[in-house]
Amino acid sequence: MPRLAALALALLALLPLGCDRGGGAGDQAAPPSASTASEGVLWLSYGDGVARAAAEGKPMLIDFWTDWCHWCKVMDKDTYGNSDIRRQLAQRFIAIKVDAESDRPQGGAGSPTGVELARSFGVASYPTTWFVDSQGEKIAPLPGFVPPEQFGFILDYIGSAAYKTQTFSAYQASRGATPSG
């Protein structure tokens, strides 16, 4: 677990922007869906995504969002809407979207609700992106909005499995990147 804590702290150092439960409540819009959010990303439900990740041996990217969160919408438009991000997601990840305030099962009868999943992942602000390996082991959370350039670097770090052998700081240094991305 020390590697997970170090990775989470390194990712937090990127200073992303996000919404807590008190912000943006008046901003009501239709929630993202697989067909409308982040055009070009194949978003799966939690249940379908977990099954597909196990079958394909790919890590999961789980996007926890709410319909009132401004930064969730910016993340969808700017980051997930970026062609390089979409390409990396398609090649290396199983992308899952979870409405963190939904009381509906996120993958069929008996599966956890969005609220239960957010609680089990310790989500405290939105958006929060969780990286999870294909066997369901948590890799690291990434709270808040992250611009495409920084997000792409993080996707490469996780998708290449570099997180298993080196810290995020060492990975940045090996790639000639600065801590801010």
N, C-alpha and C. Protein backbone atom coordinates (compact mmCIF):
# COMPACT_ATOMS: atom_id res chain seq x y z
N MET A 1 0.79 -1.21 0.00
CA MET A 1 0.00 0.00 0.00
C MET A 1 0.83 1.28 0.00
N PRO A 2 2.10 1.27 0.48
CA PRO A 2 2.87 2.52 0.46
C PRO A 2 2.99 3.09 -0.95
N ARG A 3 3.12 2.21 -1.97
CA ARG A 3 3.23 2.69 -3.35
C ARG A 3 1.95 3.41 -3.74
N LEU A 4 0.77 2.88 -3.34
CA LEU A 4 -0.51 3.51 -3.63
C LEU A 4 -0.57 4.90 -3.00
N ALA A 5 -0.16 5.02 -1.76
CA ALA A 5 -0.19 6.31 -1.08
C ALA A 5 0.75 7.30 -1.77
N ALA A 6 1.94 6.85 -2.13
CA ALA A 6 2.89 7.74 -2.80
C ALA A 6 2.36 8.17 -4.16
N LEU A 7 1.75 7.25 -4.89
CA LEU A 7 1.19 7.58 -6.20
C LEU A 7 0.06 8.58 -6.05
N ALA A 8 -0.83 8.34 -5.09
CA ALA A 8 -1.94 9.26 -4.87
C ALA A 8 -1.43 10.65 -4.52
N LEU A 9 -0.43 10.75 -3.67
CA LEU A 9 0.12 12.06 -3.31
C LEU A 9 0.77 12.74 -4.51
N ALA A 10 1.48 11.98 -5.33
CA ALA A 10 2.11 12.55 -6.51
C ALA A 10 1.07 13.06 -7.49
N LEU A 11 -0.01 12.31 -7.68
CA LEU A 11 -1.06 12.73 -8.59
C LEU A 11 -1.79 13.95 -8.03
N LEU A 12 -1.97 14.01 -6.72
CA LEU A 12 -2.62 15.16 -6.10
C LEU A 12 -1.79 16.43 -6.29
N ALA A 13 -0.49 16.28 -6.42
CA ALA A 13 0.39 17.43 -6.59
C ALA A 13 0.12 18.18 -7.89
N LEU A 14 -0.60 17.56 -8.80
CA LEU A 14 -0.92 18.22 -10.06
C LEU A 14 -1.93 19.35 -9.86
N LEU A 15 -2.51 19.45 -8.66
CA LEU A 15 -3.47 20.48 -8.30
C LEU A 15 -4.66 20.59 -9.25
N PRO A 16 -5.41 19.51 -9.41
CA PRO A 16 -6.58 19.56 -10.27
C PRO A 16 -7.70 20.39 -9.63
N LEU A 17 -8.65 20.80 -10.44
CA LEU A 17 -9.80 21.53 -9.98
C LEU A 17 -10.99 20.59 -9.91
N GLY A 18 -11.85 20.82 -8.94
CA GLY A 18 -13.00 19.94 -8.81
C GLY A 18 -14.12 20.60 -8.04
N CYS A 19 -15.20 19.86 -7.86
CA CYS A 19 -16.38 20.33 -7.15
C CYS A 19 -16.56 19.48 -5.90
N ASP A 20 -16.85 20.16 -4.78
CA ASP A 20 -17.27 19.38 -3.63
C ASP A 20 -18.79 19.44 -3.57
N ARG A 21 -19.38 18.79 -2.62
CA ARG A 21 -20.83 18.72 -2.57
C ARG A 21 -21.47 20.08 -2.42
N GLY A 22 -20.76 21.08 -1.95
CA GLY A 22 -21.35 22.39 -1.74
C GLY A 22 -21.30 23.28 -2.96
N GLY A 23 -20.55 22.93 -3.99
CA GLY A 23 -20.35 23.83 -5.12
C GLY A 23 -21.15 23.45 -6.33
N GLY A 24 -21.68 24.45 -7.03
CA GLY A 24 -22.31 24.23 -8.32
C GLY A 24 -23.67 23.59 -8.28
N ALA A 25 -24.35 23.56 -7.13
CA ALA A 25 -25.61 22.85 -7.04
C ALA A 25 -26.68 23.44 -7.95
N GLY A 26 -26.58 24.70 -8.30
CA GLY A 26 -27.57 25.30 -9.17
C GLY A 26 -27.35 25.01 -10.63
N ASP A 27 -26.25 24.40 -10.97
CA ASP A 27 -25.90 24.10 -12.35
C ASP A 27 -26.49 22.76 -12.75
N GLN A 28 -27.73 22.74 -13.18
CA GLN A 28 -28.40 21.49 -13.53
C GLN A 28 -28.37 21.28 -15.04
N ALA A 29 -27.87 20.16 -15.44
CA ALA A 29 -27.84 19.80 -16.85
C ALA A 29 -28.09 18.30 -16.95
N ALA A 30 -28.38 17.85 -18.15
CA ALA A 30 -28.59 16.43 -18.35
C ALA A 30 -27.30 15.68 -18.05
N PRO A 31 -27.38 14.57 -17.33
CA PRO A 31 -26.17 13.82 -17.01
C PRO A 31 -25.55 13.22 -18.26
N PRO A 32 -24.23 13.04 -18.23
CA PRO A 32 -23.57 12.41 -19.38
C PRO A 32 -24.06 10.97 -19.55
N SER A 33 -24.00 10.50 -20.76
CA SER A 33 -24.35 9.10 -21.01
C SER A 33 -23.34 8.54 -22.00
N ALA A 34 -23.39 7.25 -22.20
CA ALA A 34 -22.44 6.62 -23.11
C ALA A 34 -22.54 7.21 -24.51
N SER A 35 -23.72 7.69 -24.89
CA SER A 35 -23.88 8.18 -26.25
C SER A 35 -23.60 9.68 -26.37
N THR A 36 -23.65 10.44 -25.27
CA THR A 36 -23.50 11.88 -25.38
C THR A 36 -22.24 12.43 -24.74
N ALA A 37 -21.75 11.82 -23.70
CA ALA A 37 -20.61 12.38 -22.98
C ALA A 37 -19.32 12.01 -23.68
N SER A 38 -18.42 12.97 -23.75
CA SER A 38 -17.08 12.70 -24.25
C SER A 38 -17.14 11.92 -25.55
N GLU A 39 -17.76 12.50 -26.53
CA GLU A 39 -17.97 11.84 -27.82
C GLU A 39 -16.72 11.08 -28.25
N GLY A 40 -16.89 9.83 -28.57
CA GLY A 40 -15.80 9.01 -29.04
C GLY A 40 -15.24 8.07 -27.99
N VAL A 41 -15.57 8.27 -26.71
CA VAL A 41 -15.13 7.36 -25.67
C VAL A 41 -16.23 6.33 -25.45
N LEU A 42 -15.88 5.07 -25.42
CA LEU A 42 -16.85 4.02 -25.15
C LEU A 42 -16.96 3.87 -23.63
N TRP A 43 -17.96 4.54 -23.05
CA TRP A 43 -18.19 4.47 -21.61
C TRP A 43 -19.09 3.29 -21.31
N LEU A 44 -18.69 2.48 -20.36
CA LEU A 44 -19.47 1.33 -19.94
C LEU A 44 -20.01 1.54 -18.53
N SER A 45 -21.04 0.77 -18.19
CA SER A 45 -21.51 0.76 -16.81
C SER A 45 -20.45 0.06 -15.96
N TYR A 46 -20.55 0.23 -14.67
CA TYR A 46 -19.58 -0.40 -13.78
C TYR A 46 -19.56 -1.92 -13.96
N GLY A 47 -20.72 -2.54 -13.93
CA GLY A 47 -20.79 -4.00 -14.06
C GLY A 47 -20.21 -4.50 -15.37
N ASP A 48 -20.60 -3.86 -16.48
CA ASP A 48 -20.08 -4.26 -17.79
C ASP A 48 -18.58 -4.00 -17.90
N GLY A 49 -18.14 -2.88 -17.33
CA GLY A 49 -16.72 -2.52 -17.41
C GLY A 49 -15.83 -3.49 -16.64
N VAL A 50 -16.27 -3.87 -15.44
CA VAL A 50 -15.49 -4.82 -14.64
C VAL A 50 -15.36 -6.15 -15.37
N ALA A 51 -16.45 -6.62 -15.94
CA ALA A 51 -16.41 -7.89 -16.68
C ALA A 51 -15.49 -7.78 -17.90
N ARG A 52 -15.58 -6.68 -18.62
CA ARG A 52 -14.75 -6.52 -19.82
C ARG A 52 -13.28 -6.38 -19.46
N ALA A 53 -12.97 -5.65 -18.39
CA ALA A 53 -11.58 -5.49 -17.95
C ALA A 53 -10.97 -6.84 -17.61
N ALA A 54 -11.72 -7.67 -16.91
CA ALA A 54 -11.22 -8.99 -16.55
C ALA A 54 -11.00 -9.85 -17.80
N ALA A 55 -11.92 -9.76 -18.75
CA ALA A 55 -11.82 -10.56 -19.97
C ALA A 55 -10.66 -10.11 -20.85
N GLU A 56 -10.42 -8.79 -20.92
CA GLU A 56 -9.39 -8.25 -21.81
C GLU A 56 -8.05 -8.00 -21.11
N GLY A 57 -8.03 -8.09 -19.78
CA GLY A 57 -6.78 -7.84 -19.05
C GLY A 57 -6.34 -6.39 -19.08
N LYS A 58 -7.28 -5.47 -19.22
CA LYS A 58 -6.96 -4.05 -19.26
C LYS A 58 -7.35 -3.38 -17.94
N PRO A 59 -6.59 -2.36 -17.54
CA PRO A 59 -6.99 -1.60 -16.35
C PRO A 59 -8.25 -0.78 -16.64
N MET A 60 -8.94 -0.45 -15.56
CA MET A 60 -10.15 0.37 -15.67
C MET A 60 -9.85 1.81 -15.27
N LEU A 61 -10.51 2.71 -15.96
CA LEU A 61 -10.56 4.11 -15.58
C LEU A 61 -12.02 4.35 -15.19
N ILE A 62 -12.27 4.70 -13.94
CA ILE A 62 -13.63 4.92 -13.48
C ILE A 62 -13.81 6.40 -13.19
N ASP A 63 -14.70 7.03 -13.95
CA ASP A 63 -15.00 8.46 -13.81
C ASP A 63 -16.23 8.62 -12.94
N PHE A 64 -16.04 9.12 -11.70
CA PHE A 64 -17.14 9.43 -10.80
C PHE A 64 -17.55 10.88 -11.04
N TRP A 65 -18.82 11.11 -11.34
CA TRP A 65 -19.32 12.44 -11.70
C TRP A 65 -20.68 12.67 -11.06
N THR A 66 -21.12 13.93 -11.11
CA THR A 66 -22.49 14.29 -10.71
C THR A 66 -23.03 15.25 -11.77
N ASP A 67 -24.35 15.36 -11.82
CA ASP A 67 -24.94 16.23 -12.85
C ASP A 67 -24.78 17.71 -12.54
N TRP A 68 -24.52 18.09 -11.31
CA TRP A 68 -24.38 19.49 -10.95
C TRP A 68 -22.93 19.98 -10.98
N CYS A 69 -21.99 19.11 -11.22
CA CYS A 69 -20.56 19.44 -11.14
C CYS A 69 -20.05 20.11 -12.42
N HIS A 70 -19.68 21.37 -12.29
CA HIS A 70 -19.14 22.12 -13.43
C HIS A 70 -17.87 21.46 -13.98
N TRP A 71 -16.93 21.09 -13.09
CA TRP A 71 -15.66 20.56 -13.55
C TRP A 71 -15.80 19.18 -14.19
N CYS A 72 -16.87 18.46 -13.84
CA CYS A 72 -17.15 17.19 -14.52
C CYS A 72 -17.45 17.44 -16.00
N LYS A 73 -18.22 18.48 -16.25
CA LYS A 73 -18.57 18.84 -17.64
C LYS A 73 -17.34 19.31 -18.41
N VAL A 74 -16.47 20.08 -17.74
CA VAL A 74 -15.24 20.54 -18.39
C VAL A 74 -14.33 19.35 -18.69
N MET A 75 -14.25 18.42 -17.76
CA MET A 75 -13.43 17.21 -17.97
C MET A 75 -13.95 16.43 -19.16
N ASP A 76 -15.28 16.27 -19.26
CA ASP A 76 -15.87 15.57 -20.41
C ASP A 76 -15.52 16.27 -21.71
N LYS A 77 -15.70 17.58 -21.74
CA LYS A 77 -15.50 18.34 -22.98
C LYS A 77 -14.03 18.45 -23.36
N ASP A 78 -13.21 18.92 -22.43
CA ASP A 78 -11.82 19.25 -22.76
C ASP A 78 -10.86 18.06 -22.69
N THR A 79 -11.00 17.24 -21.67
CA THR A 79 -10.05 16.14 -21.49
C THR A 79 -10.51 14.89 -22.23
N TYR A 80 -11.69 14.38 -21.89
CA TYR A 80 -12.17 13.17 -22.56
C TYR A 80 -12.55 13.45 -24.01
N GLY A 81 -12.76 14.71 -24.35
CA GLY A 81 -13.05 15.07 -25.73
C GLY A 81 -11.81 15.20 -26.60
N ASN A 82 -10.63 15.15 -26.00
CA ASN A 82 -9.36 15.29 -26.71
C ASN A 82 -9.05 14.00 -27.48
N SER A 83 -8.67 14.12 -28.73
CA SER A 83 -8.44 12.93 -29.57
C SER A 83 -7.32 12.04 -29.05
N ASP A 84 -6.26 12.61 -28.49
CA ASP A 84 -5.17 11.79 -27.94
C ASP A 84 -5.64 11.00 -26.72
N ILE A 85 -6.44 11.63 -25.88
CA ILE A 85 -6.99 10.95 -24.70
C ILE A 85 -7.92 9.83 -25.13
N ARG A 86 -8.79 10.11 -26.09
CA ARG A 86 -9.71 9.07 -26.58
C ARG A 86 -8.93 7.87 -27.14
N ARG A 87 -7.85 8.14 -27.86
CA ARG A 87 -7.03 7.06 -28.43
C ARG A 87 -6.40 6.22 -27.33
N GLN A 88 -5.81 6.87 -26.33
CA GLN A 88 -5.19 6.13 -25.22
C GLN A 88 -6.22 5.29 -24.46
N LEU A 89 -7.39 5.88 -24.23
CA LEU A 89 -8.43 5.14 -23.52
C LEU A 89 -8.84 3.90 -24.31
N ALA A 90 -9.04 4.06 -25.60
CA ALA A 90 -9.47 2.94 -26.44
C ALA A 90 -8.42 1.83 -26.48
N GLN A 91 -7.15 2.20 -26.51
CA GLN A 91 -6.08 1.21 -26.64
C GLN A 91 -5.74 0.51 -25.33
N ARG A 92 -5.77 1.25 -24.22
CA ARG A 92 -5.19 0.72 -22.99
C ARG A 92 -6.14 0.53 -21.82
N PHE A 93 -7.35 1.07 -21.89
CA PHE A 93 -8.22 1.09 -20.71
C PHE A 93 -9.64 0.64 -21.04
N ILE A 94 -10.34 0.26 -19.99
CA ILE A 94 -11.78 0.09 -20.04
C ILE A 94 -12.35 1.30 -19.31
N ALA A 95 -13.11 2.13 -20.01
CA ALA A 95 -13.63 3.38 -19.46
C ALA A 95 -15.02 3.15 -18.87
N ILE A 96 -15.18 3.57 -17.62
CA ILE A 96 -16.43 3.38 -16.89
C ILE A 96 -16.87 4.72 -16.33
N LYS A 97 -18.17 5.03 -16.46
CA LYS A 97 -18.73 6.24 -15.87
C LYS A 97 -19.70 5.83 -14.78
N VAL A 98 -19.58 6.49 -13.62
CA VAL A 98 -20.47 6.22 -12.50
C VAL A 98 -21.05 7.54 -12.01
N ASP A 99 -22.37 7.65 -12.08
CA ASP A 99 -23.07 8.79 -11.48
C ASP A 99 -23.04 8.56 -9.98
N ALA A 100 -22.23 9.34 -9.28
CA ALA A 100 -21.97 9.13 -7.86
C ALA A 100 -23.18 9.40 -6.97
N GLU A 101 -24.24 9.95 -7.53
CA GLU A 101 -25.45 10.22 -6.75
C GLU A 101 -26.63 9.34 -7.16
N SER A 102 -26.37 8.37 -8.01
CA SER A 102 -27.43 7.50 -8.50
C SER A 102 -27.77 6.40 -7.49
N ASP A 103 -29.06 6.18 -7.30
CA ASP A 103 -29.53 5.09 -6.46
C ASP A 103 -29.82 3.83 -7.27
N ARG A 104 -29.52 3.87 -8.57
CA ARG A 104 -29.77 2.71 -9.43
C ARG A 104 -28.54 1.80 -9.45
N PRO A 105 -28.77 0.49 -9.56
CA PRO A 105 -27.65 -0.45 -9.70
C PRO A 105 -26.82 -0.09 -10.93
N GLN A 106 -25.52 -0.21 -10.80
CA GLN A 106 -24.59 0.18 -11.86
C GLN A 106 -24.10 -1.03 -12.64
N GLY A 107 -24.98 -1.96 -12.93
CA GLY A 107 -24.57 -3.13 -13.69
C GLY A 107 -25.52 -4.29 -13.57
N GLY A 108 -26.77 -4.03 -13.35
CA GLY A 108 -27.74 -5.11 -13.25
C GLY A 108 -28.20 -5.33 -11.82
N ALA A 109 -29.22 -6.13 -11.68
CA ALA A 109 -29.80 -6.40 -10.37
C ALA A 109 -28.75 -6.93 -9.41
N GLY A 110 -28.78 -6.39 -8.20
CA GLY A 110 -27.85 -6.84 -7.18
C GLY A 110 -26.50 -6.14 -7.20
N SER A 111 -26.21 -5.37 -8.23
CA SER A 111 -24.93 -4.66 -8.27
C SER A 111 -25.04 -3.38 -7.45
N PRO A 112 -23.92 -2.81 -7.03
CA PRO A 112 -23.97 -1.61 -6.20
C PRO A 112 -24.52 -0.40 -6.96
N THR A 113 -25.10 0.51 -6.22
CA THR A 113 -25.58 1.76 -6.81
C THR A 113 -24.40 2.72 -7.00
N GLY A 114 -24.63 3.80 -7.71
CA GLY A 114 -23.59 4.81 -7.86
C GLY A 114 -23.16 5.38 -6.52
N VAL A 115 -24.13 5.62 -5.63
CA VAL A 115 -23.84 6.14 -4.29
C VAL A 115 -22.96 5.15 -3.53
N GLU A 116 -23.30 3.88 -3.59
CA GLU A 116 -22.52 2.86 -2.89
C GLU A 116 -21.11 2.74 -3.45
N LEU A 117 -20.98 2.82 -4.77
CA LEU A 117 -19.65 2.74 -5.38
C LEU A 117 -18.79 3.94 -4.98
N ALA A 118 -19.37 5.14 -5.04
CA ALA A 118 -18.62 6.34 -4.66
C ALA A 118 -18.15 6.22 -3.21
N ARG A 119 -19.02 5.74 -2.35
CA ARG A 119 -18.66 5.57 -0.94
C ARG A 119 -17.55 4.53 -0.80
N SER A 120 -17.65 3.41 -1.51
CA SER A 120 -16.65 2.35 -1.38
C SER A 120 -15.28 2.77 -1.92
N PHE A 121 -15.28 3.72 -2.85
CA PHE A 121 -14.01 4.24 -3.39
C PHE A 121 -13.53 5.49 -2.64
N GLY A 122 -14.29 5.92 -1.65
CA GLY A 122 -13.88 7.08 -0.85
C GLY A 122 -13.93 8.39 -1.61
N VAL A 123 -14.82 8.50 -2.58
CA VAL A 123 -14.92 9.71 -3.40
C VAL A 123 -15.51 10.84 -2.56
N ALA A 124 -14.80 11.97 -2.51
CA ALA A 124 -15.23 13.11 -1.71
C ALA A 124 -15.47 14.36 -2.54
N SER A 125 -15.02 14.37 -3.78
CA SER A 125 -15.21 15.52 -4.66
C SER A 125 -15.33 15.01 -6.10
N TYR A 126 -15.79 15.89 -6.96
CA TYR A 126 -16.07 15.50 -8.35
C TYR A 126 -15.45 16.50 -9.31
N PRO A 127 -15.00 16.01 -10.46
CA PRO A 127 -14.88 14.60 -10.79
C PRO A 127 -13.77 13.94 -9.98
N THR A 128 -13.87 12.67 -9.80
CA THR A 128 -12.76 11.86 -9.28
C THR A 128 -12.61 10.69 -10.23
N THR A 129 -11.39 10.48 -10.67
CA THR A 129 -11.05 9.37 -11.55
C THR A 129 -10.30 8.34 -10.72
N TRP A 130 -10.76 7.12 -10.79
CA TRP A 130 -10.06 6.02 -10.12
C TRP A 130 -9.46 5.11 -11.17
N PHE A 131 -8.23 4.69 -10.95
CA PHE A 131 -7.58 3.69 -11.79
C PHE A 131 -7.58 2.38 -11.01
N VAL A 132 -8.03 1.32 -11.66
CA VAL A 132 -8.18 0.01 -11.04
C VAL A 132 -7.64 -1.02 -12.03
N ASP A 133 -6.88 -2.01 -11.53
CA ASP A 133 -6.36 -3.00 -12.47
C ASP A 133 -7.45 -3.98 -12.91
N SER A 134 -7.11 -4.84 -13.84
CA SER A 134 -8.11 -5.73 -14.44
C SER A 134 -8.68 -6.75 -13.46
N GLN A 135 -8.00 -6.95 -12.34
CA GLN A 135 -8.47 -7.88 -11.32
C GLN A 135 -9.26 -7.19 -10.21
N GLY A 136 -9.46 -5.87 -10.36
CA GLY A 136 -10.24 -5.14 -9.38
C GLY A 136 -9.43 -4.50 -8.26
N GLU A 137 -8.10 -4.60 -8.31
CA GLU A 137 -7.25 -3.98 -7.30
C GLU A 137 -7.11 -2.49 -7.60
N LYS A 138 -7.37 -1.66 -6.58
CA LYS A 138 -7.27 -0.22 -6.74
C LYS A 138 -5.81 0.19 -6.95
N ILE A 139 -5.59 1.04 -7.95
CA ILE A 139 -4.25 1.56 -8.23
C ILE A 139 -4.10 2.92 -7.56
N ALA A 140 -4.96 3.89 -7.95
CA ALA A 140 -4.86 5.22 -7.36
C ALA A 140 -6.04 6.08 -7.79
N PRO A 141 -6.42 7.04 -6.93
CA PRO A 141 -7.45 8.01 -7.30
C PRO A 141 -6.80 9.27 -7.88
N LEU A 142 -7.55 9.98 -8.66
CA LEU A 142 -7.12 11.27 -9.20
C LEU A 142 -8.32 12.21 -9.10
N PRO A 143 -8.37 13.02 -8.03
CA PRO A 143 -9.51 13.91 -7.87
C PRO A 143 -9.39 15.17 -8.70
N GLY A 144 -10.53 15.66 -9.18
CA GLY A 144 -10.60 16.95 -9.85
C GLY A 144 -10.36 16.91 -11.34
N PHE A 145 -10.54 18.07 -11.94
CA PHE A 145 -10.29 18.25 -13.37
C PHE A 145 -8.79 18.22 -13.63
N VAL A 146 -8.38 17.52 -14.68
CA VAL A 146 -6.99 17.50 -15.12
C VAL A 146 -6.98 17.80 -16.61
N PRO A 147 -6.19 18.79 -17.04
CA PRO A 147 -6.12 19.12 -18.47
C PRO A 147 -5.59 17.93 -19.29
N PRO A 148 -5.92 17.89 -20.57
CA PRO A 148 -5.54 16.74 -21.41
C PRO A 148 -4.05 16.42 -21.42
N GLU A 149 -3.19 17.43 -21.43
CA GLU A 149 -1.75 17.18 -21.50
C GLU A 149 -1.28 16.41 -20.27
N GLN A 150 -1.69 16.85 -19.10
CA GLN A 150 -1.32 16.16 -17.86
C GLN A 150 -2.00 14.80 -17.77
N PHE A 151 -3.27 14.74 -18.17
CA PHE A 151 -4.02 13.50 -18.08
C PHE A 151 -3.41 12.44 -19.00
N GLY A 152 -2.99 12.83 -20.18
CA GLY A 152 -2.36 11.90 -21.10
C GLY A 152 -1.10 11.28 -20.52
N PHE A 153 -0.32 12.09 -19.81
CA PHE A 153 0.90 11.61 -19.17
C PHE A 153 0.55 10.58 -18.09
N ILE A 154 -0.50 10.85 -17.32
CA ILE A 154 -0.95 9.93 -16.28
C ILE A 154 -1.47 8.64 -16.90
N LEU A 155 -2.23 8.76 -18.00
CA LEU A 155 -2.71 7.55 -18.69
C LEU A 155 -1.55 6.69 -19.16
N ASP A 156 -0.49 7.34 -19.64
CA ASP A 156 0.68 6.59 -20.09
C ASP A 156 1.35 5.89 -18.91
N TYR A 157 1.47 6.57 -17.80
CA TYR A 157 2.08 6.00 -16.59
C TYR A 157 1.31 4.76 -16.11
N ILE A 158 0.00 4.88 -16.04
CA ILE A 158 -0.82 3.76 -15.57
C ILE A 158 -0.93 2.69 -16.66
N GLY A 159 -1.24 3.10 -17.88
CA GLY A 159 -1.45 2.16 -18.98
C GLY A 159 -0.23 1.34 -19.35
N SER A 160 0.97 1.90 -19.14
CA SER A 160 2.20 1.17 -19.43
C SER A 160 2.64 0.29 -18.27
N ALA A 161 1.90 0.37 -17.16
CA ALA A 161 2.20 -0.37 -15.92
C ALA A 161 3.49 0.11 -15.26
N ALA A 162 3.95 1.30 -15.61
CA ALA A 162 5.15 1.85 -14.98
C ALA A 162 4.94 2.05 -13.48
N TYR A 163 3.70 2.25 -13.06
CA TYR A 163 3.40 2.44 -11.64
C TYR A 163 3.83 1.24 -10.79
N LYS A 164 3.99 0.09 -11.42
CA LYS A 164 4.38 -1.12 -10.69
C LYS A 164 5.86 -1.13 -10.32
N THR A 165 6.67 -0.37 -11.07
CA THR A 165 8.11 -0.44 -10.86
C THR A 165 8.76 0.88 -10.47
N GLN A 166 8.04 2.01 -10.62
CA GLN A 166 8.65 3.28 -10.26
C GLN A 166 7.61 4.28 -9.78
N THR A 167 8.08 5.20 -8.98
CA THR A 167 7.18 6.24 -8.49
C THR A 167 6.80 7.16 -9.64
N PHE A 168 5.74 7.91 -9.43
CA PHE A 168 5.32 8.87 -10.45
C PHE A 168 6.39 9.92 -10.70
N SER A 169 7.05 10.37 -9.62
CA SER A 169 8.12 11.37 -9.76
C SER A 169 9.28 10.81 -10.59
N ALA A 170 9.66 9.57 -10.34
CA ALA A 170 10.74 8.95 -11.11
C ALA A 170 10.33 8.79 -12.57
N TYR A 171 9.07 8.45 -12.79
CA TYR A 171 8.57 8.31 -14.16
C TYR A 171 8.63 9.65 -14.88
N GLN A 172 8.20 10.70 -14.20
CA GLN A 172 8.26 12.04 -14.78
C GLN A 172 9.69 12.39 -15.16
N ALA A 173 10.61 12.15 -14.24
CA ALA A 173 12.01 12.47 -14.48
C ALA A 173 12.56 11.67 -15.65
N SER A 174 12.19 10.39 -15.73
CA SER A 174 12.69 9.55 -16.84
C SER A 174 12.16 10.00 -18.19
N ARG A 175 11.04 10.66 -18.19
CA ARG A 175 10.43 11.14 -19.42
C ARG A 175 10.72 12.61 -19.68
N GLY A 176 11.52 13.23 -18.81
CA GLY A 176 11.87 14.63 -18.99
C GLY A 176 10.72 15.57 -18.71
N ALA A 177 9.76 15.14 -17.89
CA ALA A 177 8.60 15.97 -17.58
C ALA A 177 8.82 16.66 -16.24
N THR A 178 8.17 17.79 -16.08
CA THR A 178 8.19 18.51 -14.82
C THR A 178 7.00 18.07 -13.98
N PRO A 179 7.03 18.29 -12.67
CA PRO A 179 5.91 17.88 -11.82
C PRO A 179 4.57 18.45 -12.24
N SER A 180 4.52 19.57 -12.91
CA SER A 180 3.24 20.13 -13.33
C SER A 180 2.77 19.54 -14.64
N GLY A 181 3.51 18.64 -15.21
CA GLY A 181 3.07 17.96 -16.43
C GLY A 181 3.77 18.47 -17.62
